Structure formats: structure tokens, C-alpha cells
Amino acid sequence: SSGMILLFTYVMANYLHYVGVSRFLIISEAALLNLSLLTADLWSAVFAVIAEHLQIHPLFYLALLLIMSGVFLYETGPSPILQNDQQQQTSKMFDSTLAFHSNIT
């Protein structure tokens, strides 16, 4: 019985993970998802410090600072998805204008 509960919990956790990732990718980019997943080590470090009373190597904090600054810089820049959409719209407008002018001549 406990094995079935664990299996059900595992299946539901995976389902929620994949649904959550797909929803996230609808509203944002894969690069931000990957950068955000890199910050997951922060929670393991917090657990190691609080629960196990371990000392973390100082380079971890440097790496965490670099990752968080990467996320910050990525979020402050213009969205590559919006730029691609604008370029596609511009090329569609150009193509329709070109087709219109070629039909006239």
C-alpha cells in the first residue's frame, strides 16, 4: 500500500513538473528556465548549512552570485522572442507588399 502511494506521488510530481515547465515556456524563454534551474543548488546549500551544520566553500557563493547576476542581466534585456516575432511580422509585411506590387506590374 505504501508502495502505491509513493508511486502515485512520483507520477503526480512528474506530471506537475512537466505541465509547469510547458506553461513556463509559453510565457518565457528556455534560457531563463535553465538559468533558474541553476539556482536550485541554493536550496541544497541552505539545507546543508541549517540542518547539517556544514561549511560551504566560498567559491559556491561566487558561483551563486554569477548565476543570479546572469538571471538579472537576462531579464533586464529585451526578449529574443519578441524580436523574432517582430522580424517575422516585418518580413510578412514585406512579402505581402512585394506580392501586391508584382501583381500590379
PDB file of N, CA and C in Angstrom:
ATOM      1  N   SER A   1       0.821  -1.194   0.000  1.00  0.00           N
ATOM      2  CA  SER A   1       0.000   0.000   0.000  1.00  0.00           C
ATOM      3  C   SER A   1       0.868   1.264   0.000  1.00  0.00           C
ATOM      4  N   SER A   2       1.934   1.267   0.815  1.00  0.00           N
ATOM      5  CA  SER A   2       2.803   2.451   0.840  1.00  0.00           C
ATOM      6  C   SER A   2       3.574   2.578  -0.474  1.00  0.00           C
ATOM      7  N   GLY A   3       3.837   1.437  -1.122  1.00  0.00           N
ATOM      8  CA  GLY A   3       4.499   1.492  -2.429  1.00  0.00           C
ATOM      9  C   GLY A   3       3.628   2.148  -3.478  1.00  0.00           C
ATOM     10  N   MET A   4       2.342   1.895  -3.435  1.00  0.00           N
ATOM     11  CA  MET A   4       1.405   2.520  -4.378  1.00  0.00           C
ATOM     12  C   MET A   4       1.283   4.021  -4.116  1.00  0.00           C
ATOM     13  N   ILE A   5       1.319   4.403  -2.855  1.00  0.00           N
ATOM     14  CA  ILE A   5       1.252   5.827  -2.511  1.00  0.00           C
ATOM     15  C   ILE A   5       2.506   6.529  -3.025  1.00  0.00           C
ATOM     16  N   LEU A   6       3.663   5.905  -2.836  1.00  0.00           N
ATOM     17  CA  LEU A   6       4.903   6.501  -3.333  1.00  0.00           C
ATOM     18  C   LEU A   6       4.898   6.597  -4.860  1.00  0.00           C
ATOM     19  N   LEU A   7       4.400   5.552  -5.514  1.00  0.00           N
ATOM     20  CA  LEU A   7       4.318   5.575  -6.974  1.00  0.00           C
ATOM     21  C   LEU A   7       3.383   6.679  -7.446  1.00  0.00           C
ATOM     22  N   PHE A   8       2.232   6.806  -6.813  1.00  0.00           N
ATOM     23  CA  PHE A   8       1.277   7.857  -7.170  1.00  0.00           C
ATOM     24  C   PHE A   8       1.876   9.236  -6.951  1.00  0.00           C
ATOM     25  N   THR A   9       2.579   9.417  -5.839  1.00  0.00           N
ATOM     26  CA  THR A   9       3.221  10.703  -5.549  1.00  0.00           C
ATOM     27  C   THR A   9       4.284  11.025  -6.599  1.00  0.00           C
ATOM     28  N   TYR A  10       5.058  10.024  -6.981  1.00  0.00           N
ATOM     29  CA  TYR A  10       6.087  10.210  -8.004  1.00  0.00           C
ATOM     30  C   TYR A  10       5.465  10.590  -9.343  1.00  0.00           C
ATOM     31  N   VAL A  11       4.414   9.890  -9.729  1.00  0.00           N
ATOM     32  CA  VAL A  11       3.750  10.174 -11.005  1.00  0.00           C
ATOM     33  C   VAL A  11       3.156  11.576 -10.993  1.00  0.00           C
ATOM     34  N   MET A  12       2.513  11.968  -9.911  1.00  0.00           N
ATOM     35  CA  MET A  12       1.907  13.302  -9.829  1.00  0.00           C
ATOM     36  C   MET A  12       2.980  14.393  -9.823  1.00  0.00           C
ATOM     37  N   ALA A  13       4.091  14.148  -9.136  1.00  0.00           N
ATOM     38  CA  ALA A  13       5.170  15.135  -9.114  1.00  0.00           C
ATOM     39  C   ALA A  13       5.745  15.324 -10.512  1.00  0.00           C
ATOM     40  N   ASN A  14       5.955  14.240 -11.237  1.00  0.00           N
ATOM     41  CA  ASN A  14       6.455  14.358 -12.607  1.00  0.00           C
ATOM     42  C   ASN A  14       5.447  15.057 -13.507  1.00  0.00           C
ATOM     43  N   TYR A  15       4.173  14.713 -13.364  1.00  0.00           N
ATOM     44  CA  TYR A  15       3.134  15.347 -14.158  1.00  0.00           C
ATOM     45  C   TYR A  15       3.119  16.858 -13.913  1.00  0.00           C
ATOM     46  N   LEU A  16       3.121  17.258 -12.652  1.00  0.00           N
ATOM     47  CA  LEU A  16       3.106  18.686 -12.327  1.00  0.00           C
ATOM     48  C   LEU A  16       4.372  19.386 -12.815  1.00  0.00           C
ATOM     49  N   HIS A  17       5.496  18.684 -12.744  1.00  0.00           N
ATOM     50  CA  HIS A  17       6.748  19.273 -13.232  1.00  0.00           C
ATOM     51  C   HIS A  17       6.675  19.557 -14.734  1.00  0.00           C
ATOM     52  N   TYR A  18       6.247  18.573 -15.508  1.00  0.00           N
ATOM     53  CA  TYR A  18       6.212  18.756 -16.955  1.00  0.00           C
ATOM     54  C   TYR A  18       5.148  19.752 -17.385  1.00  0.00           C
ATOM     55  N   VAL A  19       4.014  19.759 -16.711  1.00  0.00           N
ATOM     56  CA  VAL A  19       2.984  20.753 -17.020  1.00  0.00           C
ATOM     57  C   VAL A  19       3.491  22.145 -16.653  1.00  0.00           C
ATOM     58  N   GLY A  20       4.139  22.258 -15.502  1.00  0.00           N
ATOM     59  CA  GLY A  20       4.679  23.552 -15.087  1.00  0.00           C
ATOM     60  C   GLY A  20       5.748  24.073 -16.034  1.00  0.00           C
ATOM     61  N   VAL A  21       6.634  23.196 -16.478  1.00  0.00           N
ATOM     62  CA  VAL A  21       7.683  23.608 -17.417  1.00  0.00           C
ATOM     63  C   VAL A  21       7.069  24.047 -18.741  1.00  0.00           C
ATOM     64  N   SER A  22       6.087  23.310 -19.231  1.00  0.00           N
ATOM     65  CA  SER A  22       5.476  23.696 -20.504  1.00  0.00           C
ATOM     66  C   SER A  22       4.745  25.023 -20.382  1.00  0.00           C
ATOM     67  N   ARG A  23       4.079  25.264 -19.260  1.00  0.00           N
ATOM     68  CA  ARG A  23       3.413  26.557 -19.050  1.00  0.00           C
ATOM     69  C   ARG A  23       4.445  27.677 -18.950  1.00  0.00           C
ATOM     70  N   PHE A  24       5.543  27.402 -18.261  1.00  0.00           N
ATOM     71  CA  PHE A  24       6.593  28.413 -18.132  1.00  0.00           C
ATOM     72  C   PHE A  24       7.167  28.771 -19.499  1.00  0.00           C
ATOM     73  N   LEU A  25       7.374  27.767 -20.342  1.00  0.00           N
ATOM     74  CA  LEU A  25       7.962  28.020 -21.652  1.00  0.00           C
ATOM     75  C   LEU A  25       7.010  28.755 -22.581  1.00  0.00           C
ATOM     76  N   ILE A  26       5.711  28.738 -22.285  1.00  0.00           N
ATOM     77  CA  ILE A  26       4.764  29.522 -23.077  1.00  0.00           C
ATOM     78  C   ILE A  26       4.971  31.010 -22.823  1.00  0.00           C
ATOM     79  N   ILE A  27       5.267  31.379 -21.573  1.00  0.00           N
ATOM     80  CA  ILE A  27       5.374  32.790 -21.231  1.00  0.00           C
ATOM     81  C   ILE A  27       6.808  33.293 -21.165  1.00  0.00           C
ATOM     82  N   SER A  28       7.787  32.409 -21.224  1.00  0.00           N
ATOM     83  CA  SER A  28       9.175  32.844 -21.124  1.00  0.00           C
ATOM     84  C   SER A  28      10.054  31.984 -22.022  1.00  0.00           C
ATOM     85  N   GLU A  29      11.362  32.197 -21.925  1.00  0.00           N
ATOM     86  CA  GLU A  29      12.305  31.509 -22.802  1.00  0.00           C
ATOM     87  C   GLU A  29      12.988  30.356 -22.075  1.00  0.00           C
ATOM     88  N   ALA A  30      13.526  29.438 -22.854  1.00  0.00           N
ATOM     89  CA  ALA A  30      14.221  28.278 -22.301  1.00  0.00           C
ATOM     90  C   ALA A  30      15.509  28.697 -21.593  1.00  0.00           C
ATOM     91  N   ALA A  31      16.132  29.754 -22.053  1.00  0.00           N
ATOM     92  CA  ALA A  31      17.375  30.205 -21.415  1.00  0.00           C
ATOM     93  C   ALA A  31      17.116  30.631 -19.974  1.00  0.00           C
ATOM     94  N   LEU A  32      16.013  31.325 -19.743  1.00  0.00           N
ATOM     95  CA  LEU A  32      15.684  31.733 -18.382  1.00  0.00           C
ATOM     96  C   LEU A  32      15.362  30.517 -17.528  1.00  0.00           C
ATOM     97  N   LEU A  33      14.696  29.535 -18.093  1.00  0.00           N
ATOM     98  CA  LEU A  33      14.406  28.307 -17.343  1.00  0.00           C
ATOM     99  C   LEU A  33      15.705  27.631 -16.919  1.00  0.00           C
ATOM    100  N   ASN A  34      16.658  27.518 -17.824  1.00  0.00           N
ATOM    101  CA  ASN A  34      17.940  26.881 -17.497  1.00  0.00           C
ATOM    102  C   ASN A  34      18.713  27.673 -16.455  1.00  0.00           C
ATOM    103  N   LEU A  35      18.707  28.999 -16.574  1.00  0.00           N
ATOM    104  CA  LEU A  35      19.386  29.816 -15.569  1.00  0.00           C
ATOM    105  C   LEU A  35      18.712  29.670 -14.208  1.00  0.00           C
ATOM    106  N   SER A  36      17.404  29.607 -14.200  1.00  0.00           N
ATOM    107  CA  SER A  36      16.689  29.467 -12.935  1.00  0.00           C
ATOM    108  C   SER A  36      16.929  28.099 -12.305  1.00  0.00           C
ATOM    109  N   LEU A  37      17.031  27.068 -13.128  1.00  0.00           N
ATOM    110  CA  LEU A  37      17.299  25.735 -12.585  1.00  0.00           C
ATOM    111  C   LEU A  37      18.682  25.657 -11.941  1.00  0.00           C
ATOM    112  N   LEU A  38      19.600  26.497 -12.390  1.00  0.00           N
ATOM    113  CA  LEU A  38      20.929  26.510 -11.780  1.00  0.00           C
ATOM    114  C   LEU A  38      20.887  27.016 -10.340  1.00  0.00           C
ATOM    115  N   THR A  39      19.865  27.801  -9.998  1.00  0.00           N
ATOM    116  CA  THR A  39      19.771  28.309  -8.632  1.00  0.00           C
ATOM    117  C   THR A  39      19.227  27.258  -7.671  1.00  0.00           C
ATOM    118  N   ALA A  40      18.865  26.076  -8.151  1.00  0.00           N
ATOM    119  CA  ALA A  40      18.358  25.016  -7.277  1.00  0.00           C
ATOM    120  C   ALA A  40      19.417  24.570  -6.276  1.00  0.00           C
ATOM    121  N   ASP A  41      20.672  24.732  -6.610  1.00  0.00           N
ATOM    122  CA  ASP A  41      21.736  24.363  -5.670  1.00  0.00           C
ATOM    123  C   ASP A  41      21.694  25.223  -4.412  1.00  0.00           C
ATOM    124  N   LEU A  42      21.086  26.392  -4.512  1.00  0.00           N
ATOM    125  CA  LEU A  42      20.963  27.255  -3.345  1.00  0.00           C
ATOM    126  C   LEU A  42      20.201  26.536  -2.232  1.00  0.00           C
ATOM    127  N   TRP A  43      19.131  25.830  -2.586  1.00  0.00           N
ATOM    128  CA  TRP A  43      18.318  25.169  -1.565  1.00  0.00           C
ATOM    129  C   TRP A  43      19.070  24.006  -0.915  1.00  0.00           C
ATOM    130  N   SER A  44      19.876  23.308  -1.677  1.00  0.00           N
ATOM    131  CA  SER A  44      20.672  22.243  -1.064  1.00  0.00           C
ATOM    132  C   SER A  44      21.744  22.837  -0.152  1.00  0.00           C
ATOM    133  N   ALA A  45      22.270  23.987  -0.509  1.00  0.00           N
ATOM    134  CA  ALA A  45      23.258  24.644   0.343  1.00  0.00           C
ATOM    135  C   ALA A  45      22.615  25.164   1.629  1.00  0.00           C
ATOM    136  N   VAL A  46      21.411  25.710   1.507  1.00  0.00           N
ATOM    137  CA  VAL A  46      20.702  26.170   2.704  1.00  0.00           C
ATOM    138  C   VAL A  46      20.441  24.997   3.643  1.00  0.00           C
ATOM    139  N   PHE A  47      20.027  23.863   3.091  1.00  0.00           N
ATOM    140  CA  PHE A  47      19.811  22.668   3.912  1.00  0.00           C
ATOM    141  C   PHE A  47      21.107  22.218   4.567  1.00  0.00           C
ATOM    142  N   ALA A  48      22.202  22.227   3.807  1.00  0.00           N
ATOM    143  CA  ALA A  48      23.488  21.775   4.353  1.00  0.00           C
ATOM    144  C   ALA A  48      23.936  22.671   5.508  1.00  0.00           C
ATOM    145  N   VAL A  49      23.707  23.959   5.398  1.00  0.00           N
ATOM    146  CA  VAL A  49      24.140  24.885   6.449  1.00  0.00           C
ATOM    147  C   VAL A  49      23.238  24.781   7.676  1.00  0.00           C
ATOM    148  N   ILE A  50      21.919  24.775   7.453  1.00  0.00           N
ATOM    149  CA  ILE A  50      20.991  24.808   8.587  1.00  0.00           C
ATOM    150  C   ILE A  50      20.846  23.440   9.254  1.00  0.00           C
ATOM    151  N   ALA A  51      20.569  22.418   8.477  1.00  0.00           N
ATOM    152  CA  ALA A  51      20.252  21.120   9.070  1.00  0.00           C
ATOM    153  C   ALA A  51      21.490  20.312   9.426  1.00  0.00           C
ATOM    154  N   GLU A  52      22.515  20.386   8.594  1.00  0.00           N
ATOM    155  CA  GLU A  52      23.681  19.539   8.823  1.00  0.00           C
ATOM    156  C   GLU A  52      24.884  20.298   9.386  1.00  0.00           C
ATOM    157  N   HIS A  53      24.748  21.605   9.521  1.00  0.00           N
ATOM    158  CA  HIS A  53      25.799  22.458  10.094  1.00  0.00           C
ATOM    159  C   HIS A  53      27.130  22.309   9.355  1.00  0.00           C
ATOM    160  N   LEU A  54      27.059  22.291   8.035  1.00  0.00           N
ATOM    161  CA  LEU A  54      28.260  22.181   7.213  1.00  0.00           C
ATOM    162  C   LEU A  54      28.717  23.562   6.767  1.00  0.00           C
ATOM    163  N   GLN A  55      30.009  23.669   6.496  1.00  0.00           N
ATOM    164  CA  GLN A  55      30.551  24.899   5.937  1.00  0.00           C
ATOM    165  C   GLN A  55      30.606  24.768   4.422  1.00  0.00           C
ATOM    166  N   ILE A  56      30.189  25.787   3.732  1.00  0.00           N
ATOM    167  CA  ILE A  56      30.182  25.767   2.263  1.00  0.00           C
ATOM    168  C   ILE A  56      31.428  26.491   1.770  1.00  0.00           C
ATOM    169  N   HIS A  57      32.019  25.954   0.723  1.00  0.00           N
ATOM    170  CA  HIS A  57      33.214  26.564   0.140  1.00  0.00           C
ATOM    171  C   HIS A  57      32.868  27.963  -0.366  1.00  0.00           C
ATOM    172  N   PRO A  58      33.752  28.925  -0.156  1.00  0.00           N
ATOM    173  CA  PRO A  58      33.458  30.303  -0.578  1.00  0.00           C
ATOM    174  C   PRO A  58      33.218  30.456  -2.087  1.00  0.00           C
ATOM    175  N   LEU A  59      33.769  29.554  -2.897  1.00  0.00           N
ATOM    176  CA  LEU A  59      33.526  29.662  -4.332  1.00  0.00           C
ATOM    177  C   LEU A  59      32.063  29.397  -4.696  1.00  0.00           C
ATOM    178  N   PHE A  60      31.340  28.683  -3.821  1.00  0.00           N
ATOM    179  CA  PHE A  60      29.916  28.473  -4.056  1.00  0.00           C
ATOM    180  C   PHE A  60      29.188  29.805  -4.093  1.00  0.00           C
ATOM    181  N   TYR A  61      29.516  30.687  -3.164  1.00  0.00           N
ATOM    182  CA  TYR A  61      28.859  31.990  -3.118  1.00  0.00           C
ATOM    183  C   TYR A  61      29.198  32.820  -4.350  1.00  0.00           C
ATOM    184  N   LEU A  62      30.425  32.708  -4.823  1.00  0.00           N
ATOM    185  CA  LEU A  62      30.806  33.401  -6.050  1.00  0.00           C
ATOM    186  C   LEU A  62      30.014  32.859  -7.235  1.00  0.00           C
ATOM    187  N   ALA A  63      29.915  31.529  -7.320  1.00  0.00           N
ATOM    188  CA  ALA A  63      29.150  30.921  -8.410  1.00  0.00           C
ATOM    189  C   ALA A  63      27.678  31.318  -8.337  1.00  0.00           C
ATOM    190  N   LEU A  64      27.130  31.326  -7.145  1.00  0.00           N
ATOM    191  CA  LEU A  64      25.729  31.719  -6.977  1.00  0.00           C
ATOM    192  C   LEU A  64      25.526  33.174  -7.375  1.00  0.00           C
ATOM    193  N   LEU A  65      26.451  34.030  -7.015  1.00  0.00           N
ATOM    194  CA  LEU A  65      26.368  35.441  -7.400  1.00  0.00           C
ATOM    195  C   LEU A  65      26.418  35.591  -8.923  1.00  0.00           C
ATOM    196  N   LEU A  66      27.292  34.837  -9.577  1.00  0.00           N
ATOM    197  CA  LEU A  66      27.382  34.905 -11.031  1.00  0.00           C
ATOM    198  C   LEU A  66      26.099  34.404 -11.694  1.00  0.00           C
ATOM    199  N   ILE A  67      25.520  33.337 -11.167  1.00  0.00           N
ATOM    200  CA  ILE A  67      24.280  32.810 -11.733  1.00  0.00           C
ATOM    201  C   ILE A  67      23.149  33.811 -11.562  1.00  0.00           C
ATOM    202  N   MET A  68      23.020  34.366 -10.369  1.00  0.00           N
ATOM    203  CA  MET A  68      21.935  35.324 -10.124  1.00  0.00           C
ATOM    204  C   MET A  68      22.126  36.602 -10.937  1.00  0.00           C
ATOM    205  N   SER A  69      23.360  37.023 -11.112  1.00  0.00           N
ATOM    206  CA  SER A  69      23.580  38.205 -11.951  1.00  0.00           C
ATOM    207  C   SER A  69      23.267  37.882 -13.409  1.00  0.00           C
ATOM    208  N   GLY A  70      23.504  36.637 -13.837  1.00  0.00           N
ATOM    209  CA  GLY A  70      23.129  36.226 -15.184  1.00  0.00           C
ATOM    210  C   GLY A  70      21.631  36.254 -15.380  1.00  0.00           C
ATOM    211  N   VAL A  71      20.887  35.778 -14.400  1.00  0.00           N
ATOM    212  CA  VAL A  71      19.422  35.837 -14.470  1.00  0.00           C
ATOM    213  C   VAL A  71      18.963  37.290 -14.520  1.00  0.00           C
ATOM    214  N   PHE A  72      19.547  38.134 -13.681  1.00  0.00           N
ATOM    215  CA  PHE A  72      19.173  39.552 -13.649  1.00  0.00           C
ATOM    216  C   PHE A  72      19.465  40.226 -14.989  1.00  0.00           C
ATOM    217  N   LEU A  73      20.651  39.998 -15.536  1.00  0.00           N
ATOM    218  CA  LEU A  73      21.005  40.608 -16.823  1.00  0.00           C
ATOM    219  C   LEU A  73      20.107  40.099 -17.943  1.00  0.00           C
ATOM    220  N   TYR A  74      19.783  38.829 -17.909  1.00  0.00           N
ATOM    221  CA  TYR A  74      18.917  38.258 -18.937  1.00  0.00           C
ATOM    222  C   TYR A  74      17.525  38.868 -18.878  1.00  0.00           C
ATOM    223  N   GLU A  75      17.027  39.078 -17.672  1.00  0.00           N
ATOM    224  CA  GLU A  75      15.683  39.624 -17.523  1.00  0.00           C
ATOM    225  C   GLU A  75      15.618  41.111 -17.846  1.00  0.00           C
ATOM    226  N   THR A  76      16.709  41.837 -17.681  1.00  0.00           N
ATOM    227  CA  THR A  76      16.678  43.272 -17.973  1.00  0.00           C
ATOM    228  C   THR A  76      16.822  43.565 -19.465  1.00  0.00           C
ATOM    229  N   GLY A  77      17.301  42.609 -20.229  1.00  0.00           N
ATOM    230  CA  GLY A  77      17.463  42.806 -21.666  1.00  0.00           C
ATOM    231  C   GLY A  77      16.158  42.586 -22.414  1.00  0.00           C
ATOM    232  N   PRO A  78      16.133  42.974 -23.685  1.00  0.00           N
ATOM    233  CA  PRO A  78      14.923  42.749 -24.486  1.00  0.00           C
ATOM    234  C   PRO A  78      14.715  41.262 -24.754  1.00  0.00           C
ATOM    235  N   SER A  79      13.479  40.876 -24.913  1.00  0.00           N
ATOM    236  CA  SER A  79      13.136  39.469 -25.117  1.00  0.00           C
ATOM    237  C   SER A  79      13.485  39.029 -26.531  1.00  0.00           C
ATOM    238  N   PRO A  80      14.223  37.932 -26.677  1.00  0.00           N
ATOM    239  CA  PRO A  80      14.529  37.443 -28.022  1.00  0.00           C
ATOM    240  C   PRO A  80      13.286  36.935 -28.743  1.00  0.00           C
ATOM    241  N   ILE A  81      12.285  36.477 -28.017  1.00  0.00           N
ATOM    242  CA  ILE A  81      11.049  36.001 -28.646  1.00  0.00           C
ATOM    243  C   ILE A  81      10.325  37.159 -29.305  1.00  0.00           C
ATOM    244  N   LEU A  82      10.240  38.286 -28.612  1.00  0.00           N
ATOM    245  CA  LEU A  82       9.557  39.440 -29.184  1.00  0.00           C
ATOM    246  C   LEU A  82      10.298  39.959 -30.400  1.00  0.00           C
ATOM    247  N   GLN A  83      11.624  39.945 -30.364  1.00  0.00           N
ATOM    248  CA  GLN A  83      12.398  40.399 -31.516  1.00  0.00           C
ATOM    249  C   GLN A  83      12.162  39.494 -32.706  1.00  0.00           C
ATOM    250  N   ASN A  84      12.121  38.182 -32.501  1.00  0.00           N
ATOM    251  CA  ASN A  84      11.869  37.252 -33.601  1.00  0.00           C
ATOM    252  C   ASN A  84      10.471  37.451 -34.165  1.00  0.00           C
ATOM    253  N   ASP A  85       9.480  37.669 -33.283  1.00  0.00           N
ATOM    254  CA  ASP A  85       8.113  37.897 -33.749  1.00  0.00           C
ATOM    255  C   ASP A  85       8.035  39.171 -34.581  1.00  0.00           C
ATOM    256  N   GLN A  86       8.726  40.224 -34.131  1.00  0.00           N
ATOM    257  CA  GLN A  86       8.709  41.473 -34.879  1.00  0.00           C
ATOM    258  C   GLN A  86       9.394  41.303 -36.234  1.00  0.00           C
ATOM    259  N   GLN A  87      10.485  40.543 -36.275  1.00  0.00           N
ATOM    260  CA  GLN A  87      11.171  40.315 -37.547  1.00  0.00           C
ATOM    261  C   GLN A  87      10.302  39.503 -38.488  1.00  0.00           C
ATOM    262  N   GLN A  88       9.578  38.516 -37.965  1.00  0.00           N
ATOM    263  CA  GLN A  88       8.699  37.715 -38.803  1.00  0.00           C
ATOM    264  C   GLN A  88       7.550  38.546 -39.327  1.00  0.00           C
ATOM    265  N   GLN A  89       6.982  39.422 -38.497  1.00  0.00           N
ATOM    266  CA  GLN A  89       5.898  40.282 -38.947  1.00  0.00           C
ATOM    267  C   GLN A  89       6.389  41.243 -40.024  1.00  0.00           C
ATOM    268  N   THR A  90       7.592  41.774 -39.842  1.00  0.00           N
ATOM    269  CA  THR A  90       8.155  42.688 -40.829  1.00  0.00           C
ATOM    270  C   THR A  90       8.384  41.965 -42.150  1.00  0.00           C
ATOM    271  N   SER A  91       8.910  40.730 -42.084  1.00  0.00           N
ATOM    272  CA  SER A  91       9.151  40.000 -43.331  1.00  0.00           C
ATOM    273  C   SER A  91       7.834  39.610 -43.996  1.00  0.00           C
ATOM    274  N   LYS A  92       6.779  39.312 -43.215  1.00  0.00           N
ATOM    275  CA  LYS A  92       5.475  39.012 -43.796  1.00  0.00           C
ATOM    276  C   LYS A  92       4.899  40.250 -44.488  1.00  0.00           C
ATOM    277  N   MET A  93       5.059  41.404 -43.844  1.00  0.00           N
ATOM    278  CA  MET A  93       4.566  42.643 -44.454  1.00  0.00           C
ATOM    279  C   MET A  93       5.323  42.924 -45.743  1.00  0.00           C
ATOM    280  N   PHE A  94       6.646  42.705 -45.724  1.00  0.00           N
ATOM    281  CA  PHE A  94       7.452  42.933 -46.908  1.00  0.00           C
ATOM    282  C   PHE A  94       7.044  41.979 -48.025  1.00  0.00           C
ATOM    283  N   ASP A  95       6.819  40.701 -47.675  1.00  0.00           N
ATOM    284  CA  ASP A  95       6.419  39.713 -48.668  1.00  0.00           C
ATOM    285  C   ASP A  95       5.059  40.049 -49.271  1.00  0.00           C
ATOM    286  N   SER A  96       4.106  40.488 -48.429  1.00  0.00           N
ATOM    287  CA  SER A  96       2.778  40.822 -48.961  1.00  0.00           C
ATOM    288  C   SER A  96       2.851  42.083 -49.825  1.00  0.00           C
ATOM    289  N   THR A  97       3.678  43.042 -49.448  1.00  0.00           N
ATOM    290  CA  THR A  97       3.844  44.248 -50.257  1.00  0.00           C
ATOM    291  C   THR A  97       4.498  43.901 -51.583  1.00  0.00           C
ATOM    292  N   LEU A  98       5.509  43.034 -51.543  1.00  0.00           N
ATOM    293  CA  LEU A  98       6.191  42.606 -52.755  1.00  0.00           C
ATOM    294  C   LEU A  98       5.231  41.857 -53.674  1.00  0.00           C
ATOM    295  N   ALA A  99       4.382  40.988 -53.105  1.00  0.00           N
ATOM    296  CA  ALA A  99       3.419  40.249 -53.894  1.00  0.00           C
ATOM    297  C   ALA A  99       2.391  41.188 -54.499  1.00  0.00           C
ATOM    298  N   PHE A 100       1.977  42.204 -53.740  1.00  0.00           N
ATOM    299  CA  PHE A 100       0.998  43.176 -54.242  1.00  0.00           C
ATOM    300  C   PHE A 100       1.577  43.949 -55.429  1.00  0.00           C
ATOM    301  N   HIS A 101       2.817  44.402 -55.296  1.00  0.00           N
ATOM    302  CA  HIS A 101       3.446  45.170 -56.365  1.00  0.00           C
ATOM    303  C   HIS A 101       3.737  44.300 -57.588  1.00  0.00           C
ATOM    304  N   SER A 102       4.048  43.025 -57.386  1.00  0.00           N
ATOM    305  CA  SER A 102       4.314  42.167 -58.530  1.00  0.00           C
ATOM    306  C   SER A 102       3.014  41.841 -59.289  1.00  0.00           C
ATOM    307  N   ASN A 103       1.880  41.847 -58.580  1.00  0.00           N
ATOM    308  CA  ASN A 103       0.590  41.626 -59.253  1.00  0.00           C
ATOM    309  C   ASN A 103       0.177  42.833 -60.060  1.00  0.00           C
ATOM    310  N   ILE A 104       0.592  44.037 -59.652  1.00  0.00           N
ATOM    311  CA  ILE A 104       0.213  45.260 -60.361  1.00  0.00           C
ATOM    312  C   ILE A 104       0.997  45.363 -61.683  1.00  0.00           C
ATOM    313  N   THR A 105       2.249  45.007 -61.640  1.00  0.00           N
ATOM    314  CA  THR A 105       3.086  45.175 -62.841  1.00  0.00           C
ATOM    315  C   THR A 105       3.007  44.067 -63.797  1.00  0.00           C
TER     316      THR A 105
END
